[in-house]
């Protein structure tokens, strides 16, 4: 995302001086990139924080889904298409 303009987007967001409690200002990586733009941390440190935030969020989502859908059959992404087609053909 950094290679495709995330830093520019966060710079424009920071320039608006929005309330830091707004959801857009708390998005994964945004606070760290704002700290980078303020000279508090390096770009690599900001990127590492953003990656860690994203991993933690994905783990929380996985845990939530696992508890909400205990009967759901989890499959590997590469198997999803063939299993879905097989389930349709068996109906």
PDB file of N, CA and C in Angstrom:
ATOM      1  N   UNK A   1       0.823  -1.186   0.000  1.00  0.00           N
ATOM      2  CA  UNK A   1       0.000   0.000   0.000  1.00  0.00           C
ATOM      3  C   UNK A   1       0.871   1.255   0.000  1.00  0.00           C
ATOM      4  N   UNK A   2       2.019   1.158   0.654  1.00  0.00           N
ATOM      5  CA  UNK A   2       2.912   2.316   0.651  1.00  0.00           C
ATOM      6  C   UNK A   2       3.383   2.634  -0.766  1.00  0.00           C
ATOM      7  N   UNK A   3       3.582   1.600  -1.568  1.00  0.00           N
ATOM      8  CA  UNK A   3       4.049   1.804  -2.942  1.00  0.00           C
ATOM      9  C   UNK A   3       2.960   2.391  -3.837  1.00  0.00           C
ATOM     10  N   UNK A   4       1.709   2.280  -3.408  1.00  0.00           N
ATOM     11  CA  UNK A   4       0.613   2.756  -4.255  1.00  0.00           C
ATOM     12  C   UNK A   4      -0.048   4.022  -3.715  1.00  0.00           C
ATOM     13  N   UNK A   5       0.636   4.725  -2.808  1.00  0.00           N
ATOM     14  CA  UNK A   5       0.147   6.040  -2.413  1.00  0.00           C
ATOM     15  C   UNK A   5      -0.435   6.192  -1.019  1.00  0.00           C
ATOM     16  N   UNK A   6      -0.297   5.190  -0.168  1.00  0.00           N
ATOM     17  CA  UNK A   6      -0.864   5.288   1.183  1.00  0.00           C
ATOM     18  C   UNK A   6      -0.260   6.456   1.958  1.00  0.00           C
ATOM     19  N   UNK A   7       1.030   6.678   1.807  1.00  0.00           N
ATOM     20  CA  UNK A   7       1.665   7.768   2.545  1.00  0.00           C
ATOM     21  C   UNK A   7       1.105   9.122   2.104  1.00  0.00           C
ATOM     22  N   UNK A   8       0.908   9.305   0.816  1.00  0.00           N
ATOM     23  CA  UNK A   8       0.321  10.558   0.319  1.00  0.00           C
ATOM     24  C   UNK A   8      -1.097  10.740   0.849  1.00  0.00           C
ATOM     25  N   UNK A   9      -1.851   9.636   0.880  1.00  0.00           N
ATOM     26  CA  UNK A   9      -3.222   9.694   1.370  1.00  0.00           C
ATOM     27  C   UNK A   9      -3.253  10.079   2.858  1.00  0.00           C
ATOM     28  N   UNK A  10      -2.360   9.494   3.635  1.00  0.00           N
ATOM     29  CA  UNK A  10      -2.308   9.807   5.064  1.00  0.00           C
ATOM     30  C   UNK A  10      -1.809  11.233   5.278  1.00  0.00           C
ATOM     31  N   UNK A  11      -0.895  11.687   4.443  1.00  0.00           N
ATOM     32  CA  UNK A  11      -0.419  13.064   4.548  1.00  0.00           C
ATOM     33  C   UNK A  11      -1.581  14.042   4.327  1.00  0.00           C
ATOM     34  N   UNK A  12      -2.411  13.766   3.332  1.00  0.00           N
ATOM     35  CA  UNK A  12      -3.575  14.621   3.063  1.00  0.00           C
ATOM     36  C   UNK A  12      -4.573  14.553   4.220  1.00  0.00           C
ATOM     37  N   UNK A  13      -4.732  13.383   4.786  1.00  0.00           N
ATOM     38  CA  UNK A  13      -5.626  13.204   5.927  1.00  0.00           C
ATOM     39  C   UNK A  13      -5.113  13.983   7.134  1.00  0.00           C
ATOM     40  N   UNK A  14      -3.823  13.880   7.394  1.00  0.00           N
ATOM     41  CA  UNK A  14      -3.222  14.587   8.534  1.00  0.00           C
ATOM     42  C   UNK A  14      -3.323  16.100   8.366  1.00  0.00           C
ATOM     43  N   UNK A  15      -3.225  16.559   7.138  1.00  0.00           N
ATOM     44  CA  UNK A  15      -3.304  18.002   6.873  1.00  0.00           C
ATOM     45  C   UNK A  15      -4.674  18.571   7.229  1.00  0.00           C
ATOM     46  N   UNK A  16      -5.677  17.715   7.258  1.00  0.00           N
ATOM     47  CA  UNK A  16      -7.031  18.172   7.594  1.00  0.00           C
ATOM     48  C   UNK A  16      -7.219  18.363   9.097  1.00  0.00           C
ATOM     49  N   UNK A  17      -6.249  17.899   9.887  1.00  0.00           N
ATOM     50  CA  UNK A  17      -6.282  18.049  11.346  1.00  0.00           C
ATOM     51  C   UNK A  17      -7.612  17.555  11.940  1.00  0.00           C
ATOM     52  N   UNK A  18      -7.997  16.356  11.528  1.00  0.00           N
ATOM     53  CA  UNK A  18      -9.225  15.751  12.012  1.00  0.00           C
ATOM     54  C   UNK A  18      -9.047  15.222  13.435  1.00  0.00           C
ATOM     55  N   UNK A  19     -10.147  14.995  14.105  1.00  0.00           N
ATOM     56  CA  UNK A  19     -10.126  14.415  15.451  1.00  0.00           C
ATOM     57  C   UNK A  19      -9.482  13.034  15.375  1.00  0.00           C
ATOM     58  N   UNK A  20      -8.449  12.763  16.172  1.00  0.00           N
ATOM     59  CA  UNK A  20      -7.772  11.463  16.118  1.00  0.00           C
ATOM     60  C   UNK A  20      -8.671  10.292  16.507  1.00  0.00           C
ATOM     61  N   UNK A  21      -9.832  10.565  17.097  1.00  0.00           N
ATOM     62  CA  UNK A  21     -10.746   9.492  17.482  1.00  0.00           C
ATOM     63  C   UNK A  21     -11.684   9.069  16.351  1.00  0.00           C
ATOM     64  N   UNK A  22     -11.666   9.789  15.244  1.00  0.00           N
ATOM     65  CA  UNK A  22     -12.491   9.406  14.097  1.00  0.00           C
ATOM     66  C   UNK A  22     -11.997   8.081  13.519  1.00  0.00           C
ATOM     67  N   UNK A  23     -12.907   7.242  13.031  1.00  0.00           N
ATOM     68  CA  UNK A  23     -12.493   5.940  12.487  1.00  0.00           C
ATOM     69  C   UNK A  23     -11.409   6.037  11.403  1.00  0.00           C
ATOM     70  N   UNK A  24     -11.494   6.992  10.516  1.00  0.00           N
ATOM     71  CA  UNK A  24     -10.486   7.122   9.455  1.00  0.00           C
ATOM     72  C   UNK A  24      -9.093   7.384  10.027  1.00  0.00           C
ATOM     73  N   UNK A  25      -9.054   8.068  11.155  1.00  0.00           N
ATOM     74  CA  UNK A  25      -7.761   8.393  11.758  1.00  0.00           C
ATOM     75  C   UNK A  25      -7.193   7.221  12.564  1.00  0.00           C
ATOM     76  N   UNK A  26      -8.029   6.214  12.808  1.00  0.00           N
ATOM     77  CA  UNK A  26      -7.598   5.044  13.565  1.00  0.00           C
ATOM     78  C   UNK A  26      -7.418   3.820  12.674  1.00  0.00           C
ATOM     79  N   UNK A  27      -7.573   3.977  11.367  1.00  0.00           N
ATOM     80  CA  UNK A  27      -7.444   2.855  10.438  1.00  0.00           C
ATOM     81  C   UNK A  27      -6.049   2.243  10.542  1.00  0.00           C
ATOM     82  N   UNK A  28      -5.957   0.971  10.206  1.00  0.00           N
ATOM     83  CA  UNK A  28      -4.676   0.261  10.315  1.00  0.00           C
ATOM     84  C   UNK A  28      -3.567   1.015   9.600  1.00  0.00           C
ATOM     85  N   UNK A  29      -2.539   1.348  10.322  1.00  0.00           N
ATOM     86  CA  UNK A  29      -1.377   2.015   9.754  1.00  0.00           C
ATOM     87  C   UNK A  29      -1.431   3.529   9.759  1.00  0.00           C
ATOM     88  N   UNK A  30      -2.610   4.122   9.843  1.00  0.00           N
ATOM     89  CA  UNK A  30      -2.719   5.577   9.758  1.00  0.00           C
ATOM     90  C   UNK A  30      -1.996   6.271  10.925  1.00  0.00           C
ATOM     91  N   UNK A  31      -2.253   5.888  12.182  1.00  0.00           N
ATOM     92  CA  UNK A  31      -1.548   6.575  13.263  1.00  0.00           C
ATOM     93  C   UNK A  31      -0.020   6.462  13.150  1.00  0.00           C
ATOM     94  N   UNK A  32       0.454   5.296  12.740  1.00  0.00           N
ATOM     95  CA  UNK A  32       1.906   5.120  12.603  1.00  0.00           C
ATOM     96  C   UNK A  32       2.461   5.980  11.468  1.00  0.00           C
ATOM     97  N   UNK A  33       1.742   6.070  10.355  1.00  0.00           N
ATOM     98  CA  UNK A  33       2.222   6.905   9.255  1.00  0.00           C
ATOM     99  C   UNK A  33       2.189   8.382   9.631  1.00  0.00           C
ATOM    100  N   UNK A  34       1.215   8.783  10.419  1.00  0.00           N
ATOM    101  CA  UNK A  34       1.183  10.170  10.900  1.00  0.00           C
ATOM    102  C   UNK A  34       2.384  10.428  11.805  1.00  0.00           C
ATOM    103  N   UNK A  35       2.710   9.453  12.641  1.00  0.00           N
ATOM    104  CA  UNK A  35       3.917   9.602  13.488  1.00  0.00           C
ATOM    105  C   UNK A  35       5.174   9.702  12.627  1.00  0.00           C
ATOM    106  N   UNK A  36       5.219   8.941  11.532  1.00  0.00           N
ATOM    107  CA  UNK A  36       6.361   9.029  10.617  1.00  0.00           C
ATOM    108  C   UNK A  36       6.440  10.420   9.984  1.00  0.00           C
ATOM    109  N   UNK A  37       5.300  10.912   9.517  1.00  0.00           N
ATOM    110  CA  UNK A  37       5.288  12.237   8.892  1.00  0.00           C
ATOM    111  C   UNK A  37       5.694  13.337   9.873  1.00  0.00           C
ATOM    112  N   UNK A  38       5.439  13.106  11.155  1.00  0.00           N
ATOM    113  CA  UNK A  38       5.828  14.074  12.185  1.00  0.00           C
ATOM    114  C   UNK A  38       7.291  13.907  12.593  1.00  0.00           C
ATOM    115  N   UNK A  39       7.975  12.918  11.988  1.00  0.00           N
ATOM    116  CA  UNK A  39       9.393  12.707  12.285  1.00  0.00           C
ATOM    117  C   UNK A  39       9.655  11.916  13.552  1.00  0.00           C
ATOM    118  N   UNK A  40       8.649  11.259  14.087  1.00  0.00           N
ATOM    119  CA  UNK A  40       8.809  10.513  15.335  1.00  0.00           C
ATOM    120  C   UNK A  40       9.343   9.107  15.137  1.00  0.00           C
ATOM    121  N   UNK A  41       9.032   8.485  13.990  1.00  0.00           N
ATOM    122  CA  UNK A  41       9.515   7.138  13.689  1.00  0.00           C
ATOM    123  C   UNK A  41       9.881   7.058  12.211  1.00  0.00           C
ATOM    124  N   UNK A  42      10.657   6.033  11.855  1.00  0.00           N
ATOM    125  CA  UNK A  42      11.046   5.847  10.460  1.00  0.00           C
ATOM    126  C   UNK A  42       9.876   5.257   9.664  1.00  0.00           C
ATOM    127  N   UNK A  43       9.989   5.334   8.346  1.00  0.00           N
ATOM    128  CA  UNK A  43       8.968   4.757   7.489  1.00  0.00           C
ATOM    129  C   UNK A  43       8.901   3.244   7.687  1.00  0.00           C
ATOM    130  N   UNK A  44      10.042   2.602   7.840  1.00  0.00           N
ATOM    131  CA  UNK A  44      10.057   1.153   8.061  1.00  0.00           C
ATOM    132  C   UNK A  44       9.370   0.796   9.384  1.00  0.00           C
ATOM    133  N   UNK A  45       9.595   1.593  10.416  1.00  0.00           N
ATOM    134  CA  UNK A  45       8.911   1.337  11.692  1.00  0.00           C
ATOM    135  C   UNK A  45       7.402   1.502  11.525  1.00  0.00           C
ATOM    136  N   UNK A  46       6.989   2.531  10.806  1.00  0.00           N
ATOM    137  CA  UNK A  46       5.563   2.759  10.567  1.00  0.00           C
ATOM    138  C   UNK A  46       4.966   1.602   9.778  1.00  0.00           C
ATOM    139  N   UNK A  47       5.675   1.119   8.777  1.00  0.00           N
ATOM    140  CA  UNK A  47       5.196  -0.006   7.979  1.00  0.00           C
ATOM    141  C   UNK A  47       5.071  -1.265   8.838  1.00  0.00           C
ATOM    142  N   UNK A  48       6.048  -1.488   9.704  1.00  0.00           N
ATOM    143  CA  UNK A  48       6.007  -2.663  10.589  1.00  0.00           C
ATOM    144  C   UNK A  48       4.814  -2.584  11.541  1.00  0.00           C
ATOM    145  N   UNK A  49       4.534  -1.409  12.060  1.00  0.00           N
ATOM    146  CA  UNK A  49       3.377  -1.224  12.947  1.00  0.00           C
ATOM    147  C   UNK A  49       2.086  -1.490  12.168  1.00  0.00           C
ATOM    148  N   UNK A  50       1.983  -0.982  10.964  1.00  0.00           N
ATOM    149  CA  UNK A  50       0.808  -1.212  10.131  1.00  0.00           C
ATOM    150  C   UNK A  50       0.598  -2.683   9.828  1.00  0.00           C
ATOM    151  N   UNK A  51       1.687  -3.394   9.511  1.00  0.00           N
ATOM    152  CA  UNK A  51       1.576  -4.841   9.246  1.00  0.00           C
ATOM    153  C   UNK A  51       1.118  -5.579  10.495  1.00  0.00           C
ATOM    154  N   UNK A  52       1.689  -5.228  11.651  1.00  0.00           N
ATOM    155  CA  UNK A  52       1.301  -5.885  12.907  1.00  0.00           C
ATOM    156  C   UNK A  52      -0.160  -5.602  13.242  1.00  0.00           C
ATOM    157  N   UNK A  53      -0.595  -4.354  13.068  1.00  0.00           N
ATOM    158  CA  UNK A  53      -2.004  -4.007  13.312  1.00  0.00           C
ATOM    159  C   UNK A  53      -2.927  -4.841  12.435  1.00  0.00           C
ATOM    160  N   UNK A  54      -2.559  -5.003  11.177  1.00  0.00           N
ATOM    161  CA  UNK A  54      -3.381  -5.767  10.236  1.00  0.00           C
ATOM    162  C   UNK A  54      -3.426  -7.240  10.626  1.00  0.00           C
ATOM    163  N   UNK A  55      -2.278  -7.811  11.007  1.00  0.00           N
ATOM    164  CA  UNK A  55      -2.249  -9.222  11.438  1.00  0.00           C
ATOM    165  C   UNK A  55      -3.118  -9.427  12.675  1.00  0.00           C
ATOM    166  N   UNK A  56      -3.019  -8.526  13.641  1.00  0.00           N
ATOM    167  CA  UNK A  56      -3.821  -8.649  14.868  1.00  0.00           C
ATOM    168  C   UNK A  56      -5.310  -8.567  14.553  1.00  0.00           C
ATOM    169  N   UNK A  57      -5.685  -7.669  13.671  1.00  0.00           N
ATOM    170  CA  UNK A  57      -7.086  -7.528  13.279  1.00  0.00           C
ATOM    171  C   UNK A  57      -7.583  -8.800  12.589  1.00  0.00           C
ATOM    172  N   UNK A  58      -6.782  -9.338  11.677  1.00  0.00           N
ATOM    173  CA  UNK A  58      -7.173 -10.567  10.977  1.00  0.00           C
ATOM    174  C   UNK A  58      -7.335 -11.716  11.961  1.00  0.00           C
ATOM    175  N   UNK A  59      -6.454 -11.797  12.941  1.00  0.00           N
ATOM    176  CA  UNK A  59      -6.552 -12.864  13.947  1.00  0.00           C
ATOM    177  C   UNK A  59      -7.835 -12.713  14.767  1.00  0.00           C
ATOM    178  N   UNK A  60      -8.168 -11.479  15.145  1.00  0.00           N
ATOM    179  CA  UNK A  60      -9.412 -11.251  15.890  1.00  0.00           C
ATOM    180  C   UNK A  60     -10.625 -11.628  15.052  1.00  0.00           C
ATOM    181  N   UNK A  61     -10.602 -11.292  13.757  1.00  0.00           N
ATOM    182  CA  UNK A  61     -11.709 -11.664  12.876  1.00  0.00           C
ATOM    183  C   UNK A  61     -11.849 -13.178  12.786  1.00  0.00           C
ATOM    184  N   UNK A  62     -10.743 -13.859  12.611  1.00  0.00           N
ATOM    185  CA  UNK A  62     -10.764 -15.316  12.499  1.00  0.00           C
ATOM    186  C   UNK A  62     -11.338 -15.927  13.779  1.00  0.00           C
ATOM    187  N   UNK A  63     -10.902 -15.436  14.919  1.00  0.00           N
ATOM    188  CA  UNK A  63     -11.406 -15.944  16.196  1.00  0.00           C
ATOM    189  C   UNK A  63     -12.903 -15.690  16.316  1.00  0.00           C
ATOM    190  N   UNK A  64     -13.362 -14.506  15.944  1.00  0.00           N
ATOM    191  CA  UNK A  64     -14.777 -14.175  16.021  1.00  0.00           C
ATOM    192  C   UNK A  64     -15.590 -15.111  15.136  1.00  0.00           C
ATOM    193  N   UNK A  65     -15.149 -15.283  13.882  1.00  0.00           N
ATOM    194  CA  UNK A  65     -15.878 -16.151  12.964  1.00  0.00           C
ATOM    195  C   UNK A  65     -15.898 -17.595  13.451  1.00  0.00           C
ATOM    196  N   UNK A  66     -14.781 -18.055  13.998  1.00  0.00           N
ATOM    197  CA  UNK A  66     -14.706 -19.431  14.477  1.00  0.00           C
ATOM    198  C   UNK A  66     -15.749 -19.673  15.570  1.00  0.00           C
ATOM    199  N   UNK A  67     -15.971 -18.682  16.435  1.00  0.00           N
ATOM    200  CA  UNK A  67     -16.940 -18.836  17.518  1.00  0.00           C
ATOM    201  C   UNK A  67     -18.374 -18.578  17.054  1.00  0.00           C
ATOM    202  N   UNK A  68     -18.562 -17.749  16.059  1.00  0.00           N
ATOM    203  CA  UNK A  68     -19.904 -17.445  15.568  1.00  0.00           C
ATOM    204  C   UNK A  68     -20.443 -18.530  14.646  1.00  0.00           C
ATOM    205  N   UNK A  69     -19.547 -19.207  13.960  1.00  0.00           N
ATOM    206  CA  UNK A  69     -19.954 -20.209  12.974  1.00  0.00           C
ATOM    207  C   UNK A  69     -19.291 -21.561  13.264  1.00  0.00           C
ATOM    208  N   UNK A  70     -19.582 -22.173  14.431  1.00  0.00           N
ATOM    209  CA  UNK A  70     -18.869 -23.407  14.785  1.00  0.00           C
ATOM    210  C   UNK A  70     -19.133 -24.557  13.812  1.00  0.00           C
ATOM    211  N   UNK A  71     -20.290 -24.543  13.130  1.00  0.00           N
ATOM    212  CA  UNK A  71     -20.620 -25.633  12.205  1.00  0.00           C
ATOM    213  C   UNK A  71     -20.051 -25.414  10.805  1.00  0.00           C
ATOM    214  N   UNK A  72     -19.475 -24.265  10.564  1.00  0.00           N
ATOM    215  CA  UNK A  72     -18.941 -23.928   9.247  1.00  0.00           C
ATOM    216  C   UNK A  72     -17.716 -24.776   8.947  1.00  0.00           C
ATOM    217  N   UNK A  73     -17.662 -25.317   7.743  1.00  0.00           N
ATOM    218  CA  UNK A  73     -16.509 -26.114   7.340  1.00  0.00           C
ATOM    219  C   UNK A  73     -15.460 -25.205   6.710  1.00  0.00           C
ATOM    220  N   UNK A  74     -14.349 -25.027   7.396  1.00  0.00           N
ATOM    221  CA  UNK A  74     -13.284 -24.164   6.890  1.00  0.00           C
ATOM    222  C   UNK A  74     -12.464 -24.946   5.875  1.00  0.00           C
ATOM    223  N   UNK A  75     -12.177 -24.322   4.738  1.00  0.00           N
ATOM    224  CA  UNK A  75     -11.374 -24.962   3.700  1.00  0.00           C
ATOM    225  C   UNK A  75     -10.275 -24.003   3.246  1.00  0.00           C
ATOM    226  N   UNK A  76      -9.263 -24.582   2.664  1.00  0.00           N
ATOM    227  CA  UNK A  76      -8.178 -23.770   2.128  1.00  0.00           C
ATOM    228  C   UNK A  76      -8.701 -23.002   0.906  1.00  0.00           C
ATOM    229  N   UNK A  77      -8.206 -21.775   0.680  1.00  0.00           N
ATOM    230  CA  UNK A  77      -8.714 -20.977  -0.446  1.00  0.00           C
ATOM    231  C   UNK A  77      -8.653 -21.707  -1.788  1.00  0.00           C
ATOM    232  N   UNK A  78      -7.583 -22.455  -2.019  1.00  0.00           N
ATOM    233  CA  UNK A  78      -7.443 -23.137  -3.304  1.00  0.00           C
ATOM    234  C   UNK A  78      -8.453 -24.281  -3.463  1.00  0.00           C
ATOM    235  N   UNK A  79      -9.042 -24.754  -2.357  1.00  0.00           N
ATOM    236  CA  UNK A  79     -10.041 -25.821  -2.407  1.00  0.00           C
ATOM    237  C   UNK A  79     -11.469 -25.274  -2.447  1.00  0.00           C
ATOM    238  N   UNK A  80     -11.639 -24.017  -2.153  1.00  0.00           N
ATOM    239  CA  UNK A  80     -12.985 -23.447  -2.001  1.00  0.00           C
ATOM    240  C   UNK A  80     -13.826 -23.596  -3.263  1.00  0.00           C
ATOM    241  N   UNK A  81     -13.279 -23.298  -4.409  1.00  0.00           N
ATOM    242  CA  UNK A  81     -14.041 -23.381  -5.649  1.00  0.00           C
ATOM    243  C   UNK A  81     -14.498 -24.794  -5.957  1.00  0.00           C
ATOM    244  N   UNK A  82     -13.605 -25.759  -5.820  1.00  0.00           N
ATOM    245  CA  UNK A  82     -13.974 -27.142  -6.140  1.00  0.00           C
ATOM    246  C   UNK A  82     -14.973 -27.695  -5.140  1.00  0.00           C
ATOM    247  N   UNK A  83     -14.843 -27.349  -3.875  1.00  0.00           N
ATOM    248  CA  UNK A  83     -15.816 -27.829  -2.871  1.00  0.00           C
ATOM    249  C   UNK A  83     -17.178 -27.200  -3.098  1.00  0.00           C
ATOM    250  N   UNK A  84     -17.210 -25.922  -3.453  1.00  0.00           N
ATOM    251  CA  UNK A  84     -18.473 -25.235  -3.683  1.00  0.00           C
ATOM    252  C   UNK A  84     -19.188 -25.863  -4.878  1.00  0.00           C
ATOM    253  N   UNK A  85     -18.440 -26.123  -5.940  1.00  0.00           N
ATOM    254  CA  UNK A  85     -19.026 -26.733  -7.138  1.00  0.00           C
ATOM    255  C   UNK A  85     -19.515 -28.147  -6.810  1.00  0.00           C
ATOM    256  N   UNK A  86     -18.716 -28.912  -6.053  1.00  0.00           N
ATOM    257  CA  UNK A  86     -19.105 -30.267  -5.684  1.00  0.00           C
ATOM    258  C   UNK A  86     -20.377 -30.266  -4.843  1.00  0.00           C
ATOM    259  N   UNK A  87     -20.504 -29.291  -3.939  1.00  0.00           N
ATOM    260  CA  UNK A  87     -21.708 -29.227  -3.097  1.00  0.00           C
ATOM    261  C   UNK A  87     -22.935 -28.877  -3.933  1.00  0.00           C
ATOM    262  N   UNK A  88     -22.779 -28.074  -4.958  1.00  0.00           N
ATOM    263  CA  UNK A  88     -23.904 -27.735  -5.843  1.00  0.00           C
ATOM    264  C   UNK A  88     -24.325 -28.953  -6.668  1.00  0.00           C
ATOM    265  N   UNK A  89     -23.362 -29.716  -7.107  1.00  0.00           N
ATOM    266  CA  UNK A  89     -23.673 -30.892  -7.945  1.00  0.00           C
ATOM    267  C   UNK A  89     -24.332 -32.000  -7.136  1.00  0.00           C
ATOM    268  N   UNK A  90     -24.080 -32.069  -5.848  1.00  0.00           N
ATOM    269  CA  UNK A  90     -24.664 -33.123  -5.023  1.00  0.00           C
ATOM    270  C   UNK A  90     -26.081 -32.796  -4.558  1.00  0.00           C
ATOM    271  N   UNK A  91     -26.564 -31.610  -4.848  1.00  0.00           N
ATOM    272  CA  UNK A  91     -27.906 -31.233  -4.401  1.00  0.00           C
ATOM    273  C   UNK A  91     -28.978 -31.758  -5.309  1.00  0.00           C
TER     274      UNK A  91
END
